[in-house]
Amino acid sequence: MLDLATTETVDRVQQAIATTLGHLADPRAVGLLGRWRTHPQVQVRWSVCLALTPLAADDADALRHLVELTRDPHPPVRDWAYFGLYQTGQDTAQVRHALIAPDR
């Protein structure tokens, strides 16, 4: 599925793929999800947040992507990224800085 997902260009399909990958919680998806974290469509970025949340507790790249999404221009994406960070249970300097960053 990941091979097919990397060539997908339809926004709604990308959103569905990201959501599905989140339910699967497969660490192999982190690279693709990371590429989609800056997607022009807010619904795709929101689904990326959802998908990264279960992966970020055990994967440094997933955690980094989730932290980056706390600076997304769309408030619901940022909100989910913050909630996702809370869900990971990670207490790192990177997470603490994202949670208290003055540029929120």
Protein backbone atom coordinates (compact mmCIF):
# COMPACT_ATOMS: atom_id res chain seq x y z
CA MET A 1 0.00 0.00 0.00
CA LEU A 2 2.81 2.45 0.76
CA ASP A 3 4.20 2.04 -2.75
CA LEU A 4 0.85 3.03 -4.24
CA ALA A 5 0.36 5.84 -1.72
CA THR A 6 3.58 7.60 -2.72
CA THR A 7 2.26 8.17 -6.24
CA GLU A 8 -1.26 9.23 -5.25
CA THR A 9 -2.15 12.81 -6.21
CA VAL A 10 -5.85 13.12 -5.35
CA ASP A 11 -6.26 15.05 -2.09
CA ARG A 12 -9.27 13.11 -0.78
CA VAL A 13 -7.52 9.82 -1.46
CA GLN A 14 -4.38 11.05 0.29
CA GLN A 15 -6.52 12.02 3.26
CA ALA A 16 -8.07 8.55 3.35
CA ILE A 17 -4.65 6.92 3.05
CA ALA A 18 -3.27 8.99 5.94
CA THR A 19 -6.27 8.09 8.10
CA THR A 20 -5.89 4.41 7.25
CA LEU A 21 -2.17 4.46 8.03
CA GLY A 22 -2.98 5.98 11.40
CA HIS A 23 -5.30 3.10 12.21
CA LEU A 24 -2.63 0.61 11.17
CA ALA A 25 0.04 2.42 13.24
CA ASP A 26 2.74 1.00 10.98
CA PRO A 27 6.08 2.76 11.53
CA ARG A 28 6.93 2.31 7.84
CA ALA A 29 4.37 5.05 7.13
CA VAL A 30 6.28 7.81 8.97
CA GLY A 31 8.27 8.84 5.89
CA LEU A 32 5.18 9.30 3.72
CA LEU A 33 3.25 11.03 6.49
CA GLY A 34 6.21 13.33 7.03
CA ARG A 35 6.15 14.37 3.38
CA TRP A 36 2.43 15.14 3.62
CA ARG A 37 2.77 17.28 6.79
CA THR A 38 3.09 20.37 4.56
CA HIS A 39 0.36 19.35 2.12
CA PRO A 40 -1.62 22.33 0.74
CA GLN A 41 -4.94 20.79 1.81
CA VAL A 42 -5.78 21.22 5.48
CA GLN A 43 -7.77 17.96 5.60
CA VAL A 44 -4.69 15.99 4.56
CA ARG A 45 -2.51 17.69 7.19
CA TRP A 46 -5.17 17.04 9.83
CA SER A 47 -5.27 13.34 8.88
CA VAL A 48 -1.47 13.28 9.06
CA CYS A 49 -1.69 14.52 12.67
CA LEU A 50 -4.14 11.76 13.49
CA ALA A 51 -1.90 9.17 11.85
CA LEU A 52 1.32 10.35 13.50
CA THR A 53 -0.10 10.36 17.03
CA PRO A 54 0.07 6.59 17.70
CA LEU A 55 3.51 6.42 16.08
CA ALA A 56 5.14 9.37 17.85
CA ALA A 57 5.53 7.64 21.21
CA ASP A 58 8.10 5.24 19.72
CA ASP A 59 9.43 7.05 16.64
CA ALA A 60 11.59 10.17 16.82
CA ASP A 61 10.73 11.27 13.27
CA ALA A 62 7.00 10.94 13.90
CA LEU A 63 7.41 12.99 17.08
CA ARG A 64 9.39 15.65 15.21
CA HIS A 65 6.71 15.85 12.49
CA LEU A 66 3.99 16.20 15.12
CA VAL A 67 5.95 18.99 16.81
CA GLU A 68 6.28 20.75 13.44
CA LEU A 69 2.52 20.50 12.96
CA THR A 70 1.98 22.52 16.15
CA ARG A 71 3.00 25.50 13.99
CA ASP A 72 0.49 24.75 11.22
CA PRO A 73 -1.44 27.83 10.02
CA HIS A 74 -4.79 26.08 10.49
CA PRO A 75 -6.01 26.00 14.15
CA PRO A 76 -7.66 22.52 14.07
CA VAL A 77 -4.42 21.00 12.75
CA ARG A 78 -2.44 22.73 15.49
CA ASP A 79 -4.97 21.65 18.11
CA TRP A 80 -4.71 18.01 17.08
CA ALA A 81 -0.92 18.21 16.99
CA TYR A 82 -0.91 19.50 20.58
CA PHE A 83 -3.35 16.80 21.65
CA GLY A 84 -1.26 14.22 19.80
CA LEU A 85 1.84 15.33 21.69
CA TYR A 86 -0.05 14.93 24.95
CA GLN A 87 -1.20 11.45 23.88
CA THR A 88 2.36 10.30 23.22
CA GLY A 89 3.31 10.72 26.87
CA GLN A 90 6.69 12.05 25.77
CA ASP A 91 8.33 14.56 28.09
CA THR A 92 11.23 15.86 26.07
CA ALA A 93 12.66 19.34 25.65
CA GLN A 94 11.34 19.33 22.08
CA VAL A 95 7.79 18.58 23.22
CA ARG A 96 7.90 21.03 26.14
CA HIS A 97 9.17 23.78 23.87
CA ALA A 98 6.37 23.11 21.35
CA LEU A 99 3.78 23.27 24.11
CA ILE A 100 4.98 26.59 25.50
CA ALA A 101 6.26 28.22 22.29
CA PRO A 102 5.33 31.92 22.26
CA ASP A 103 4.60 31.88 18.52
CA ARG A 104 1.46 29.74 18.92
